[in-house]
Amino acid sequence: MNEFLTRPIREEDNADIASIVRNILTEFGANKPGTVYFDPTTDDLFNLFQAPNSFYFIAELNGKAIGGSGVFPTPGLPEGYCELVKLYLVPEVRGLGLGYQLMEACFEKAREFGFKKIYLETMPELHNALGLYQKAGFTYLTGPLGKSGHYGCDLWMTMDLTQAKN
C-alpha cells in the first residue's frame, strides 16, 4: 500500500528536493532567471529553513521524497505576513490531494507562528498550481510584496489565514 508522509526537512533531503524543484520548473518551462531554479538557497533548504518562524515539510511516499512545501518570513513583507514557498510535487502524485494537504500543513504552521496572512509568488507556466491556490482561498494581487528576489515570478497571491477554508 502507498503511504504518504509529511515530515520536517532534514539535511540529507537537500539534494533530492533541489532536484525535484529544478526538474518541475524545467517540466513547465519555468526554469528561468529570477526564480528558485537559479536561487543558491535551493541547494541548501535545510539551512534556509532554520530561520525563525520558518518551516519546510518534505512529502514522502514509501520512504522516498516526492516533494514539499514551506512557510518563510520573507524580508520586506507587511507585518503579520509570511510566504508559502517551494510547493512542488513529482508528476506521479499530482491530483491525489497531496498538494492541498501540504498547503494545509503550511497554513497551520503559519498560524502557530502567529502569522495572519500568507503570500505567494508564482508564474503562469505553473498553471496546474493556480487552481489549487484559488481553491484554497488565495486571491490575486496587482504586484509583489516583500523582497524575495524572485523577479521571474509575475503572479502574486495572498490569503487571510484567519478566514482560510478548512
Protein backbone atom coordinates (compact mmCIF):
# COMPACT_ATOMS: atom_id res chain seq x y z
CA MET A 1 0.00 0.00 0.00
CA ASN A 2 1.22 3.51 -0.80
CA GLU A 3 1.59 5.65 2.28
CA PHE A 4 2.11 9.40 2.17
CA LEU A 5 4.01 11.05 4.99
CA THR A 6 4.88 14.66 5.66
CA ARG A 7 7.78 15.47 7.94
CA PRO A 8 10.24 18.29 8.64
CA ILE A 9 13.10 18.68 6.19
CA ARG A 10 16.40 17.02 7.11
CA GLU A 11 19.86 17.95 5.86
CA GLU A 12 20.07 14.76 3.82
CA ASP A 13 16.96 15.92 1.87
CA ASN A 14 18.79 18.87 0.28
CA ALA A 15 19.90 17.17 -2.96
CA ASP A 16 16.59 15.35 -3.51
CA ILE A 17 14.35 18.38 -3.01
CA ALA A 18 16.62 20.67 -5.07
CA SER A 19 16.43 18.14 -7.91
CA ILE A 20 12.64 17.90 -7.62
CA VAL A 21 12.25 21.70 -7.68
CA ARG A 22 14.51 22.15 -10.71
CA ASN A 23 13.01 19.19 -12.62
CA ILE A 24 9.48 20.53 -12.15
CA LEU A 25 10.44 24.06 -13.19
CA THR A 26 12.07 22.57 -16.29
CA GLU A 27 8.99 20.41 -16.97
CA PHE A 28 6.79 23.52 -17.12
CA GLY A 29 9.28 25.75 -18.95
CA ALA A 30 9.70 27.92 -15.87
CA ASN A 31 13.45 27.34 -15.40
CA LYS A 32 14.27 30.97 -15.95
CA PRO A 33 16.36 33.64 -14.22
CA GLY A 34 14.76 35.29 -11.21
CA THR A 35 13.20 32.04 -9.95
CA VAL A 36 14.17 29.44 -7.37
CA TYR A 37 15.73 27.47 -10.22
CA PHE A 38 18.76 29.77 -10.03
CA ASP A 39 18.47 30.67 -6.33
CA PRO A 40 21.52 29.25 -4.49
CA THR A 41 19.42 28.60 -1.38
CA THR A 42 17.57 25.89 -3.35
CA ASP A 43 20.60 23.63 -2.81
CA ASP A 44 20.50 24.03 0.97
CA LEU A 45 16.87 24.31 2.01
CA PHE A 46 17.59 22.59 5.31
CA ASN A 47 19.75 25.51 6.48
CA LEU A 48 17.45 28.13 4.94
CA PHE A 49 14.56 26.78 6.99
CA GLN A 50 16.48 27.03 10.26
CA ALA A 51 15.46 30.71 10.26
CA PRO A 52 13.00 31.69 13.00
CA ASN A 53 9.32 31.36 12.04
CA SER A 54 10.10 29.21 9.02
CA PHE A 55 9.36 25.55 8.34
CA TYR A 56 9.64 23.16 5.39
CA PHE A 57 7.69 19.94 5.00
CA ILE A 58 9.02 17.05 2.94
CA ALA A 59 6.39 14.80 1.38
CA GLU A 60 7.39 11.13 1.22
CA LEU A 61 5.87 8.14 -0.50
CA ASN A 62 7.14 4.75 0.67
CA GLY A 63 10.23 6.40 2.18
CA LYS A 64 11.17 8.46 -0.91
CA ALA A 65 10.94 12.27 -1.12
CA ILE A 66 8.29 13.25 -3.66
CA GLY A 67 8.01 16.97 -2.96
CA GLY A 68 7.49 19.54 -0.29
CA SER A 69 6.35 22.99 0.74
CA GLY A 70 7.11 25.53 3.41
CA VAL A 71 6.45 28.85 5.06
CA PHE A 72 9.05 31.58 5.29
CA PRO A 73 9.13 35.09 6.81
CA THR A 74 10.37 36.72 3.60
CA PRO A 75 12.10 40.05 4.26
CA GLY A 76 10.04 43.11 3.47
CA LEU A 77 6.61 41.50 3.80
CA PRO A 78 3.98 43.55 5.62
CA GLU A 79 3.50 42.92 9.34
CA GLY A 80 1.71 39.64 10.02
CA TYR A 81 2.58 38.06 6.64
CA CYS A 82 4.66 35.02 5.75
CA GLU A 83 5.22 33.42 2.37
CA LEU A 84 4.12 29.99 1.13
CA VAL A 85 7.23 28.76 -0.66
CA LYS A 86 8.51 25.95 -2.81
CA LEU A 87 5.36 23.85 -3.21
CA TYR A 88 6.42 21.13 -5.63
CA LEU A 89 5.30 17.55 -6.22
CA VAL A 90 6.65 14.98 -8.66
CA PRO A 91 4.28 14.20 -11.57
CA GLU A 92 3.31 10.73 -10.34
CA VAL A 93 1.50 12.07 -7.26
CA ARG A 94 -0.23 15.14 -8.64
CA GLY A 95 -4.00 15.18 -8.48
CA LEU A 96 -4.20 12.99 -5.37
CA GLY A 97 -4.78 15.85 -2.92
CA LEU A 98 -1.26 15.87 -1.53
CA GLY A 99 -0.58 19.45 -2.65
CA TYR A 100 -3.64 20.62 -0.77
CA GLN A 101 -2.56 18.62 2.30
CA LEU A 102 0.88 20.23 2.17
CA MET A 103 -0.68 23.69 1.94
CA GLU A 104 -2.98 22.98 4.87
CA ALA A 105 0.01 21.85 6.95
CA CYS A 106 1.80 25.08 5.99
CA PHE A 107 -1.24 27.19 6.89
CA GLU A 108 -1.40 25.52 10.31
CA LYS A 109 2.32 26.07 10.89
CA ALA A 110 1.99 29.73 9.84
CA ARG A 111 -0.87 30.18 12.33
CA GLU A 112 1.28 28.56 15.05
CA PHE A 113 3.95 31.16 14.30
CA GLY A 114 1.33 33.91 14.69
CA PHE A 115 1.01 34.94 11.05
CA LYS A 116 -2.36 36.33 9.95
CA LYS A 117 -1.83 36.39 6.17
CA ILE A 118 0.09 34.26 3.71
CA TYR A 119 1.53 35.39 0.40
CA LEU A 120 2.92 33.53 -2.58
CA GLU A 121 4.66 34.23 -5.86
CA THR A 122 4.20 32.08 -8.93
CA MET A 123 4.20 32.11 -12.73
CA PRO A 124 1.61 31.42 -15.44
CA GLU A 125 3.76 28.46 -16.55
CA LEU A 126 2.84 26.70 -13.30
CA HIS A 127 -0.81 26.68 -14.34
CA ASN A 128 -1.58 23.42 -12.51
CA ALA A 129 -0.91 25.14 -9.19
CA LEU A 130 -3.04 28.22 -9.86
CA GLY A 131 -6.32 26.34 -9.45
CA LEU A 132 -5.03 24.75 -6.27
CA TYR A 133 -4.18 28.15 -4.81
CA GLN A 134 -7.57 29.58 -5.75
CA LYS A 135 -9.37 26.56 -4.29
CA ALA A 136 -7.50 27.14 -1.02
CA GLY A 137 -8.73 30.74 -0.90
CA PHE A 138 -5.86 32.75 -2.39
CA THR A 139 -6.72 35.87 -4.37
CA TYR A 140 -4.56 37.72 -6.88
CA LEU A 141 -2.61 40.88 -6.15
CA THR A 142 -1.57 43.52 -8.70
CA GLY A 143 2.08 43.47 -7.65
CA PRO A 144 4.64 41.77 -5.45
CA LEU A 145 5.10 42.09 -1.71
CA GLY A 146 8.38 41.71 0.11
CA LYS A 147 11.89 41.15 -1.16
CA SER A 148 12.14 37.53 -2.28
CA GLY A 149 14.49 38.41 -5.13
CA HIS A 150 12.41 36.25 -7.47
CA TYR A 151 11.80 38.81 -10.18
CA GLY A 152 10.95 35.99 -12.62
CA CYS A 153 7.64 35.46 -10.84
CA ASP A 154 4.90 37.63 -12.24
CA LEU A 155 1.81 36.40 -10.41
CA TRP A 156 1.24 37.22 -6.75
CA MET A 157 -1.46 35.98 -4.42
CA THR A 158 -2.46 36.33 -0.80
CA MET A 159 -4.85 34.76 1.66
CA ASP A 160 -6.14 35.69 5.09
CA LEU A 161 -5.22 32.80 7.39
CA THR A 162 -7.97 33.79 9.82
CA GLN A 163 -10.56 33.29 7.04
CA ALA A 164 -8.96 30.21 5.39
CA LYS A 165 -11.16 27.38 4.23
CA ASN A 166 -10.77 24.29 6.40
